[in-house]
PDB file of N, CA and C in Angstrom:
ATOM      1  N   ASN A   1      23.665  32.937  16.850  1.00  0.00           N
ATOM      2  CA  ASN A   1      24.582  33.533  18.313  1.00  0.00           C
ATOM      3  C   ASN A   1      25.937  33.305  18.453  1.00  0.00           C
ATOM      4  N   GLU A   2      26.149  34.423  18.061  1.00  0.00           N
ATOM      5  CA  GLU A   2      28.178  34.542  18.454  1.00  0.00           C
ATOM      6  C   GLU A   2      28.019  34.980  20.117  1.00  0.00           C
ATOM      7  N   ARG A   3      29.313  34.561  19.938  1.00  0.00           N
ATOM      8  CA  ARG A   3      29.624  34.541  21.222  1.00  0.00           C
ATOM      9  C   ARG A   3      31.263  34.021  21.716  1.00  0.00           C
ATOM     10  N   GLU A   4      32.107  34.525  22.802  1.00  0.00           N
ATOM     11  CA  GLU A   4      32.837  34.304  22.427  1.00  0.00           C
ATOM     12  C   GLU A   4      33.412  32.845  22.908  1.00  0.00           C
ATOM     13  N   LEU A   5      34.743  32.415  21.527  1.00  0.00           N
ATOM     14  CA  LEU A   5      35.584  31.566  22.636  1.00  0.00           C
ATOM     15  C   LEU A   5      36.380  31.669  22.356  1.00  0.00           C
ATOM     16  N   LEU A   6      37.144  30.374  23.515  1.00  0.00           N
ATOM     17  CA  LEU A   6      37.887  30.455  23.758  1.00  0.00           C
ATOM     18  C   LEU A   6      39.521  29.532  23.297  1.00  0.00           C
ATOM     19  N   ALA A   7      40.415  29.619  22.686  1.00  0.00           N
ATOM     20  CA  ALA A   7      41.231  28.336  21.754  1.00  0.00           C
ATOM     21  C   ALA A   7      42.339  28.074  22.298  1.00  0.00           C
ATOM     22  N   ARG A   8      42.743  26.880  21.397  1.00  0.00           N
ATOM     23  CA  ARG A   8      44.318  26.976  21.994  1.00  0.00           C
ATOM     24  C   ARG A   8      44.527  26.204  19.855  1.00  0.00           C
ATOM     25  N   MET A   9      46.075  27.671  20.095  1.00  0.00           N
ATOM     26  CA  MET A   9      46.608  27.875  18.898  1.00  0.00           C
ATOM     27  C   MET A   9      47.604  26.105  18.940  1.00  0.00           C
ATOM     28  N   GLU A  10      48.047  26.390  17.631  1.00  0.00           N
ATOM     29  CA  GLU A  10      49.001  25.401  17.460  1.00  0.00           C
ATOM     30  C   GLU A  10      50.378  25.217  18.232  1.00  0.00           C
ATOM     31  N   SER A  11      50.522  26.598  18.956  1.00  0.00           N
ATOM     32  CA  SER A  11      52.125  26.624  19.806  1.00  0.00           C
ATOM     33  C   SER A  11      50.907  27.326  21.276  1.00  0.00           C
ATOM     34  N   ASP A  12      50.119  26.209  21.482  1.00  0.00           N
ATOM     35  CA  ASP A  12      49.444  26.324  23.032  1.00  0.00           C
ATOM     36  C   ASP A  12      49.254  27.141  23.470  1.00  0.00           C
ATOM     37  N   GLU A  13      49.690  28.121  22.933  1.00  0.00           N
ATOM     38  CA  GLU A  13      49.179  29.508  23.475  1.00  0.00           C
ATOM     39  C   GLU A  13      47.145  29.358  22.691  1.00  0.00           C
ATOM     40  N   MET A  14      46.325  30.756  24.016  1.00  0.00           N
ATOM     41  CA  MET A  14      45.852  31.006  24.185  1.00  0.00           C
ATOM     42  C   MET A  14      45.070  31.731  23.326  1.00  0.00           C
ATOM     43  N   VAL A  15      43.428  31.532  22.454  1.00  0.00           N
ATOM     44  CA  VAL A  15      43.375  32.888  21.778  1.00  0.00           C
ATOM     45  C   VAL A  15      41.420  33.151  21.380  1.00  0.00           C
ATOM     46  N   VAL A  16      40.567  34.133  21.416  1.00  0.00           N
ATOM     47  CA  VAL A  16      39.803  34.606  21.830  1.00  0.00           C
ATOM     48  C   VAL A  16      39.043  34.930  20.846  1.00  0.00           C
ATOM     49  N   PHE A  17      39.043  34.889  20.556  1.00  0.00           N
ATOM     50  CA  PHE A  17      37.420  35.026  18.988  1.00  0.00           C
ATOM     51  C   PHE A  17      35.149  34.987  19.337  1.00  0.00           C
ATOM     52  N   PRO A  18      35.114  36.311  18.066  1.00  0.00           N
ATOM     53  CA  PRO A  18      34.052  35.271  18.530  1.00  0.00           C
ATOM     54  C   PRO A  18      33.332  33.965  17.200  1.00  0.00           C
ATOM     55  N   GLY A  19      32.452  33.253  18.576  1.00  0.00           N
ATOM     56  CA  GLY A  19      32.277  32.202  17.291  1.00  0.00           C
ATOM     57  C   GLY A  19      30.902  31.592  18.044  1.00  0.00           C
ATOM     58  N   SER A  20      31.290  30.519  17.704  1.00  0.00           N
ATOM     59  CA  SER A  20      29.328  29.947  17.780  1.00  0.00           C
ATOM     60  C   SER A  20      29.508  28.504  18.162  1.00  0.00           C
ATOM     61  N   GLU A  21      28.684  28.381  18.965  1.00  0.00           N
ATOM     62  CA  GLU A  21      28.923  26.333  19.458  1.00  0.00           C
ATOM     63  C   GLU A  21      29.364  25.338  18.322  1.00  0.00           C
ATOM     64  N   LYS A  22      28.761  25.261  16.420  1.00  0.00           N
ATOM     65  CA  LYS A  22      28.847  24.943  15.423  1.00  0.00           C
ATOM     66  C   LYS A  22      30.273  24.715  15.658  1.00  0.00           C
ATOM     67  N   GLN A  23      31.565  25.961  16.378  1.00  0.00           N
ATOM     68  CA  GLN A  23      32.296  25.570  16.251  1.00  0.00           C
ATOM     69  C   GLN A  23      33.166  25.014  16.942  1.00  0.00           C
ATOM     70  N   ILE A  24      32.678  24.279  18.109  1.00  0.00           N
ATOM     71  CA  ILE A  24      34.071  24.223  19.354  1.00  0.00           C
ATOM     72  C   ILE A  24      34.158  22.684  18.892  1.00  0.00           C
ATOM     73  N   GLY A  25      34.762  22.088  18.589  1.00  0.00           N
ATOM     74  CA  GLY A  25      35.542  21.041  18.613  1.00  0.00           C
ATOM     75  C   GLY A  25      36.155  20.854  16.570  1.00  0.00           C
ATOM     76  N   ARG A  26      36.030  21.776  16.520  1.00  0.00           N
ATOM     77  CA  ARG A  26      37.251  22.200  14.812  1.00  0.00           C
ATOM     78  C   ARG A  26      37.840  23.440  15.496  1.00  0.00           C
ATOM     79  N   PHE A  27      38.996  22.907  13.829  1.00  0.00           N
ATOM     80  CA  PHE A  27      39.682  23.410  13.789  1.00  0.00           C
ATOM     81  C   PHE A  27      39.341  24.525  12.396  1.00  0.00           C
ATOM     82  N   THR A  28      39.783  26.424  12.623  1.00  0.00           N
ATOM     83  CA  THR A  28      39.788  27.067  12.264  1.00  0.00           C
ATOM     84  C   THR A  28      40.597  28.039  12.133  1.00  0.00           C
ATOM     85  N   ARG A  29      40.781  28.833  10.750  1.00  0.00           N
ATOM     86  CA  ARG A  29      42.130  30.108  10.760  1.00  0.00           C
ATOM     87  C   ARG A  29      41.946  31.169  12.224  1.00  0.00           C
ATOM     88  N   VAL A  30      42.251  31.536  12.154  1.00  0.00           N
ATOM     89  CA  VAL A  30      41.913  33.271  13.370  1.00  0.00           C
ATOM     90  C   VAL A  30      43.265  34.754  13.111  1.00  0.00           C
ATOM     91  N   GLU A  31      43.336  35.009  12.866  1.00  0.00           N
ATOM     92  CA  GLU A  31      43.334  36.340  12.448  1.00  0.00           C
ATOM     93  C   GLU A  31      43.990  37.039  13.559  1.00  0.00           C
ATOM     94  N   LEU A  32      44.463  36.822  14.674  1.00  0.00           N
ATOM     95  CA  LEU A  32      45.801  37.566  15.307  1.00  0.00           C
ATOM     96  C   LEU A  32      45.197  38.952  15.545  1.00  0.00           C
ATOM     97  N   LEU A  33      44.533  40.347  17.013  1.00  0.00           N
ATOM     98  CA  LEU A  33      44.547  41.133  16.796  1.00  0.00           C
ATOM     99  C   LEU A  33      45.109  41.821  17.389  1.00  0.00           C
ATOM    100  N   SER A  34      44.976  41.282  18.983  1.00  0.00           N
ATOM    101  CA  SER A  34      45.744  41.884  19.844  1.00  0.00           C
ATOM    102  C   SER A  34      46.300  40.747  21.399  1.00  0.00           C
ATOM    103  N   LEU A  35      46.817  41.078  21.947  1.00  0.00           N
ATOM    104  CA  LEU A  35      47.949  40.788  22.795  1.00  0.00           C
ATOM    105  C   LEU A  35      46.793  40.985  24.251  1.00  0.00           C
ATOM    106  N   LYS A  36      46.553  40.368  25.179  1.00  0.00           N
ATOM    107  CA  LYS A  36      46.811  40.604  26.359  1.00  0.00           C
ATOM    108  C   LYS A  36      46.848  39.898  27.019  1.00  0.00           C
ATOM    109  N   GLY A  37      47.934  40.282  28.190  1.00  0.00           N
ATOM    110  CA  GLY A  37      48.721  39.398  29.416  1.00  0.00           C
ATOM    111  C   GLY A  37      48.630  38.340  28.250  1.00  0.00           C
ATOM    112  N   SER A  38      48.663  37.105  28.360  1.00  0.00           N
ATOM    113  CA  SER A  38      48.972  35.550  28.096  1.00  0.00           C
ATOM    114  C   SER A  38      48.050  35.476  27.255  1.00  0.00           C
ATOM    115  N   THR A  39      47.075  36.521  26.668  1.00  0.00           N
ATOM    116  CA  THR A  39      46.490  35.140  25.663  1.00  0.00           C
ATOM    117  C   THR A  39      45.802  36.202  24.898  1.00  0.00           C
ATOM    118  N   PHE A  40      45.365  35.305  23.272  1.00  0.00           N
ATOM    119  CA  PHE A  40      45.401  36.750  22.174  1.00  0.00           C
ATOM    120  C   PHE A  40      44.180  36.872  22.119  1.00  0.00           C
ATOM    121  N   THR A  41      43.274  37.611  21.771  1.00  0.00           N
ATOM    122  CA  THR A  41      42.317  38.176  21.114  1.00  0.00           C
ATOM    123  C   THR A  41      41.658  38.268  19.199  1.00  0.00           C
ATOM    124  N   GLY A  42      41.869  37.807  18.616  1.00  0.00           N
ATOM    125  CA  GLY A  42      41.601  37.714  17.172  1.00  0.00           C
ATOM    126  C   GLY A  42      40.361  36.895  16.444  1.00  0.00           C
ATOM    127  N   LYS A  43      40.234  37.159  15.552  1.00  0.00           N
ATOM    128  CA  LYS A  43      38.852  36.914  14.628  1.00  0.00           C
ATOM    129  C   LYS A  43      39.066  35.631  12.853  1.00  0.00           C
ATOM    130  N   GLU A  44      38.055  35.207  13.618  1.00  0.00           N
ATOM    131  CA  GLU A  44      38.217  33.930  12.294  1.00  0.00           C
ATOM    132  C   GLU A  44      38.291  34.690  10.827  1.00  0.00           C
ATOM    133  N   ILE A  45      38.733  34.273   9.892  1.00  0.00           N
ATOM    134  CA  ILE A  45      39.034  35.127   8.477  1.00  0.00           C
ATOM    135  C   ILE A  45      39.265  33.238   7.826  1.00  0.00           C
TER     136      ILE A  45
END
């Protein structure tokens, strides 16, 4: 079940991307697609 996850990048900025509960607590690479306010939106690559 895909949901939106909120994560922090190495630079301490936030990014929202589609993901599952299995990804919580794990590192993943995300392509940044847009910026809304101070939060990026992206997709896993």
